[in-house]
């Protein structure tokens, strides 16, 4: 998928239900195979991206890199803080 398509998919998911925010929560859910989708901001640390991508492949979770940074992602989620990673179960 193109990154614009990823952002549109994320916006649709955001309208349907609330995400689970945070790198630690995302890693736990992906490792347990409970995450359906994982969204990562473009300025997320590379080692975290690598870990999430690897575990997503193993657990068959959908992994998406967004074209926006963590500040914009926080704003889209209507949160007053930066968000690098969020998941949906």
C-alpha atoms as a PDB file:
ATOM      1  CA  UNK A   1       0.000   0.000   0.000  1.00  0.00           C
ATOM      2  CA  UNK A   2       1.066   3.572  -0.553  1.00  0.00           C
ATOM      3  CA  UNK A   3       1.627   5.736   2.516  1.00  0.00           C
ATOM      4  CA  UNK A   4      -1.365   7.951   1.657  1.00  0.00           C
ATOM      5  CA  UNK A   5      -3.540   4.840   1.588  1.00  0.00           C
ATOM      6  CA  UNK A   6      -2.109   3.852   4.991  1.00  0.00           C
ATOM      7  CA  UNK A   7      -3.107   7.227   6.421  1.00  0.00           C
ATOM      8  CA  UNK A   8      -6.637   6.904   5.024  1.00  0.00           C
ATOM      9  CA  UNK A   9      -6.924   3.396   6.478  1.00  0.00           C
ATOM     10  CA  UNK A  10      -5.731   4.723   9.844  1.00  0.00           C
ATOM     11  CA  UNK A  11      -8.324   7.526   9.793  1.00  0.00           C
ATOM     12  CA  UNK A  12     -11.064   4.984   9.075  1.00  0.00           C
ATOM     13  CA  UNK A  13      -9.892   2.803  11.977  1.00  0.00           C
ATOM     14  CA  UNK A  14      -9.738   5.848  14.265  1.00  0.00           C
ATOM     15  CA  UNK A  15     -13.406   6.614  13.532  1.00  0.00           C
ATOM     16  CA  UNK A  16     -14.479   3.048  14.358  1.00  0.00           C
ATOM     17  CA  UNK A  17     -12.748   2.452  17.692  1.00  0.00           C
ATOM     18  CA  UNK A  18     -10.070   3.851  19.968  1.00  0.00           C
ATOM     19  CA  UNK A  19      -6.449   2.756  19.520  1.00  0.00           C
ATOM     20  CA  UNK A  20      -4.067   1.303  22.075  1.00  0.00           C
ATOM     21  CA  UNK A  21      -1.263   3.837  22.369  1.00  0.00           C
ATOM     22  CA  UNK A  22       2.370   3.209  23.243  1.00  0.00           C
ATOM     23  CA  UNK A  23       5.396   1.203  22.207  1.00  0.00           C
ATOM     24  CA  UNK A  24       5.383  -1.156  25.198  1.00  0.00           C
ATOM     25  CA  UNK A  25       1.696  -1.986  24.784  1.00  0.00           C
ATOM     26  CA  UNK A  26       2.163  -2.483  21.040  1.00  0.00           C
ATOM     27  CA  UNK A  27       5.099  -4.852  21.520  1.00  0.00           C
ATOM     28  CA  UNK A  28       3.183  -6.911  24.106  1.00  0.00           C
ATOM     29  CA  UNK A  29       0.111  -7.209  21.888  1.00  0.00           C
ATOM     30  CA  UNK A  30       2.097  -8.062  18.759  1.00  0.00           C
ATOM     31  CA  UNK A  31       4.213 -10.665  20.554  1.00  0.00           C
ATOM     32  CA  UNK A  32       1.062 -12.258  21.963  1.00  0.00           C
ATOM     33  CA  UNK A  33      -0.560 -12.262  18.522  1.00  0.00           C
ATOM     34  CA  UNK A  34      -3.452 -10.086  19.719  1.00  0.00           C
ATOM     35  CA  UNK A  35      -2.780  -7.002  17.585  1.00  0.00           C
ATOM     36  CA  UNK A  36      -4.741  -6.771  14.357  1.00  0.00           C
ATOM     37  CA  UNK A  37      -3.038  -3.635  13.006  1.00  0.00           C
ATOM     38  CA  UNK A  38       0.090  -1.721  13.993  1.00  0.00           C
ATOM     39  CA  UNK A  39       0.622   1.893  12.899  1.00  0.00           C
ATOM     40  CA  UNK A  40       4.040   3.544  13.198  1.00  0.00           C
ATOM     41  CA  UNK A  41       4.896   7.225  12.685  1.00  0.00           C
ATOM     42  CA  UNK A  42       7.612   8.156  10.208  1.00  0.00           C
ATOM     43  CA  UNK A  43       9.969   9.394  12.945  1.00  0.00           C
ATOM     44  CA  UNK A  44       9.590   6.351  15.206  1.00  0.00           C
ATOM     45  CA  UNK A  45      13.006   4.993  16.307  1.00  0.00           C
ATOM     46  CA  UNK A  46      14.354   2.545  13.728  1.00  0.00           C
ATOM     47  CA  UNK A  47      15.067  -0.248  16.227  1.00  0.00           C
ATOM     48  CA  UNK A  48      11.460  -0.123  17.438  1.00  0.00           C
ATOM     49  CA  UNK A  49      10.205  -0.199  13.825  1.00  0.00           C
ATOM     50  CA  UNK A  50      12.381  -3.230  13.123  1.00  0.00           C
ATOM     51  CA  UNK A  51      11.126  -5.084  16.209  1.00  0.00           C
ATOM     52  CA  UNK A  52       7.477  -4.331  15.464  1.00  0.00           C
ATOM     53  CA  UNK A  53       7.841  -5.312  11.833  1.00  0.00           C
ATOM     54  CA  UNK A  54       9.563  -8.587  12.708  1.00  0.00           C
ATOM     55  CA  UNK A  55       6.995  -9.570  15.346  1.00  0.00           C
ATOM     56  CA  UNK A  56       4.129  -8.485  13.067  1.00  0.00           C
ATOM     57  CA  UNK A  57       5.351 -10.855  10.379  1.00  0.00           C
ATOM     58  CA  UNK A  58       5.494 -13.725  12.858  1.00  0.00           C
ATOM     59  CA  UNK A  59       2.089 -13.035  14.423  1.00  0.00           C
ATOM     60  CA  UNK A  60       0.373 -12.153  11.118  1.00  0.00           C
ATOM     61  CA  UNK A  61      -0.491  -8.626  12.315  1.00  0.00           C
ATOM     62  CA  UNK A  62      -0.829  -5.903   9.700  1.00  0.00           C
ATOM     63  CA  UNK A  63       2.083  -3.425   9.899  1.00  0.00           C
ATOM     64  CA  UNK A  64       1.764   0.098   8.462  1.00  0.00           C
ATOM     65  CA  UNK A  65       4.255   2.965   8.380  1.00  0.00           C
ATOM     66  CA  UNK A  66       2.472   6.305   8.208  1.00  0.00           C
ATOM     67  CA  UNK A  67       3.615   9.373   6.283  1.00  0.00           C
ATOM     68  CA  UNK A  68       3.182  11.660   9.308  1.00  0.00           C
ATOM     69  CA  UNK A  69       5.419  12.252  12.313  1.00  0.00           C
ATOM     70  CA  UNK A  70       4.570  11.499  15.944  1.00  0.00           C
ATOM     71  CA  UNK A  71       3.441  15.075  16.649  1.00  0.00           C
ATOM     72  CA  UNK A  72       0.874  14.961  13.845  1.00  0.00           C
ATOM     73  CA  UNK A  73      -0.210  11.473  14.902  1.00  0.00           C
ATOM     74  CA  UNK A  74      -0.876  12.725  18.430  1.00  0.00           C
ATOM     75  CA  UNK A  75      -2.934  15.586  17.017  1.00  0.00           C
ATOM     76  CA  UNK A  76      -4.991  13.217  14.818  1.00  0.00           C
ATOM     77  CA  UNK A  77      -5.748  11.103  17.891  1.00  0.00           C
ATOM     78  CA  UNK A  78      -6.714  14.290  19.806  1.00  0.00           C
ATOM     79  CA  UNK A  79      -4.015  13.717  22.417  1.00  0.00           C
ATOM     80  CA  UNK A  80      -1.746  16.422  23.899  1.00  0.00           C
ATOM     81  CA  UNK A  81       1.397  14.314  23.467  1.00  0.00           C
ATOM     82  CA  UNK A  82       3.482  12.629  20.786  1.00  0.00           C
ATOM     83  CA  UNK A  83       2.492   9.172  19.572  1.00  0.00           C
ATOM     84  CA  UNK A  84       5.063   7.011  17.782  1.00  0.00           C
ATOM     85  CA  UNK A  85       3.175   3.703  17.776  1.00  0.00           C
ATOM     86  CA  UNK A  86      -0.421   2.591  18.189  1.00  0.00           C
ATOM     87  CA  UNK A  87      -2.290  -0.643  17.665  1.00  0.00           C
ATOM     88  CA  UNK A  88      -5.790  -2.000  17.214  1.00  0.00           C
ATOM     89  CA  UNK A  89      -6.844  -5.368  18.564  1.00  0.00           C
END
